[in-house]
Amino acid sequence: MTLLKDREVAERTGLSTGTLANWRHRKIGPRFFKIGGKAVRYDAADIEAFCRQRPTPTRDQRA
């Protein structure tokens, strides 16, 4: 398991760290772990799966 910091997830996904924090608070978005009560980490495999589940359609794919 490769664990990523929220900054690394933001870089990979194009989301802001603020959005990730908001999603954690609202209990939505990709699964995360709290380590030592404060440090937030994401499993890289979970982030990849999360991104695959939410593709953005291109103009040609829109109905």
C-alpha atoms as a PDB file:
ATOM      1  CA  MET A   1       0.000   0.000   0.000  1.00  0.00           C
ATOM      2  CA  THR A   2       1.347   3.393  -0.998  1.00  0.00           C
ATOM      3  CA  LEU A   3       0.049   6.218   1.187  1.00  0.00           C
ATOM      4  CA  LEU A   4      -0.252   9.744  -0.167  1.00  0.00           C
ATOM      5  CA  LYS A   5      -0.523  13.083   1.609  1.00  0.00           C
ATOM      6  CA  ASP A   6      -3.452  15.337   0.718  1.00  0.00           C
ATOM      7  CA  ARG A   7      -1.078  17.620  -1.208  1.00  0.00           C
ATOM      8  CA  GLU A   8      -0.026  14.663  -3.382  1.00  0.00           C
ATOM      9  CA  VAL A   9      -3.655  13.690  -3.979  1.00  0.00           C
ATOM     10  CA  ALA A  10      -4.447  17.271  -4.955  1.00  0.00           C
ATOM     11  CA  GLU A  11      -1.601  17.239  -7.490  1.00  0.00           C
ATOM     12  CA  ARG A  12      -2.767  13.922  -8.990  1.00  0.00           C
ATOM     13  CA  THR A  13      -6.437  14.816  -9.194  1.00  0.00           C
ATOM     14  CA  GLY A  14      -6.443  18.557  -9.820  1.00  0.00           C
ATOM     15  CA  LEU A  15      -8.555  19.084  -6.691  1.00  0.00           C
ATOM     16  CA  SER A  16      -7.528  21.572  -4.039  1.00  0.00           C
ATOM     17  CA  THR A  17      -6.450  20.458  -0.579  1.00  0.00           C
ATOM     18  CA  GLY A  18      -9.381  22.538   0.704  1.00  0.00           C
ATOM     19  CA  THR A  19     -11.831  20.489  -1.360  1.00  0.00           C
ATOM     20  CA  LEU A  20     -10.325  17.280  -0.006  1.00  0.00           C
ATOM     21  CA  ALA A  21     -10.648  18.611   3.561  1.00  0.00           C
ATOM     22  CA  ASN A  22     -14.248  19.635   2.909  1.00  0.00           C
ATOM     23  CA  TRP A  23     -15.049  16.198   1.487  1.00  0.00           C
ATOM     24  CA  ARG A  24     -13.466  14.502   4.521  1.00  0.00           C
ATOM     25  CA  HIS A  25     -15.615  16.624   6.814  1.00  0.00           C
ATOM     26  CA  ARG A  26     -18.741  15.784   4.778  1.00  0.00           C
ATOM     27  CA  LYS A  27     -17.708  12.094   4.596  1.00  0.00           C
ATOM     28  CA  ILE A  28     -17.680  12.025   0.800  1.00  0.00           C
ATOM     29  CA  GLY A  29     -14.884  11.539  -1.720  1.00  0.00           C
ATOM     30  CA  PRO A  30     -12.103   8.979  -1.619  1.00  0.00           C
ATOM     31  CA  ARG A  31     -11.427   6.860   1.456  1.00  0.00           C
ATOM     32  CA  PHE A  32      -8.769   8.257   3.789  1.00  0.00           C
ATOM     33  CA  PHE A  33      -6.877   7.247   6.914  1.00  0.00           C
ATOM     34  CA  LYS A  34      -6.009   9.281  10.000  1.00  0.00           C
ATOM     35  CA  ILE A  35      -2.649   8.317  11.403  1.00  0.00           C
ATOM     36  CA  GLY A  36      -1.783   9.358  14.923  1.00  0.00           C
ATOM     37  CA  GLY A  37      -5.034  11.280  15.196  1.00  0.00           C
ATOM     38  CA  LYS A  38      -3.930  14.105  12.887  1.00  0.00           C
ATOM     39  CA  ALA A  39      -2.022  13.011   9.795  1.00  0.00           C
ATOM     40  CA  VAL A  40      -4.344  12.299   6.859  1.00  0.00           C
ATOM     41  CA  ARG A  41      -3.270   9.801   4.218  1.00  0.00           C
ATOM     42  CA  TYR A  42      -4.898   8.276   1.151  1.00  0.00           C
ATOM     43  CA  ASP A  43      -4.118   4.909  -0.424  1.00  0.00           C
ATOM     44  CA  ALA A  44      -2.862   5.509  -3.979  1.00  0.00           C
ATOM     45  CA  ALA A  45      -4.973   2.586  -5.262  1.00  0.00           C
ATOM     46  CA  ASP A  46      -8.111   4.180  -3.766  1.00  0.00           C
ATOM     47  CA  ILE A  47      -7.321   7.470  -5.509  1.00  0.00           C
ATOM     48  CA  GLU A  48      -6.851   5.717  -8.857  1.00  0.00           C
ATOM     49  CA  ALA A  49     -10.166   3.869  -8.413  1.00  0.00           C
ATOM     50  CA  PHE A  50     -11.915   7.084  -7.368  1.00  0.00           C
ATOM     51  CA  CYS A  51     -10.686   8.853 -10.519  1.00  0.00           C
ATOM     52  CA  ARG A  52     -11.736   5.964 -12.775  1.00  0.00           C
ATOM     53  CA  GLN A  53     -15.254   6.040 -11.323  1.00  0.00           C
ATOM     54  CA  ARG A  54     -15.703   9.728 -12.127  1.00  0.00           C
ATOM     55  CA  PRO A  55     -14.665  10.327 -15.715  1.00  0.00           C
ATOM     56  CA  THR A  56     -15.442  13.694 -17.266  1.00  0.00           C
ATOM     57  CA  PRO A  57     -17.171  13.270 -20.623  1.00  0.00           C
ATOM     58  CA  THR A  58     -15.648  15.017 -23.597  1.00  0.00           C
ATOM     59  CA  ARG A  59     -17.732  17.077 -25.963  1.00  0.00           C
ATOM     60  CA  ASP A  60     -18.024  14.097 -28.354  1.00  0.00           C
ATOM     61  CA  GLN A  61     -19.359  11.855 -25.556  1.00  0.00           C
ATOM     62  CA  ARG A  62     -22.121  14.209 -24.425  1.00  0.00           C
ATOM     63  CA  ALA A  63     -25.617  13.442 -25.647  1.00  0.00           C
END
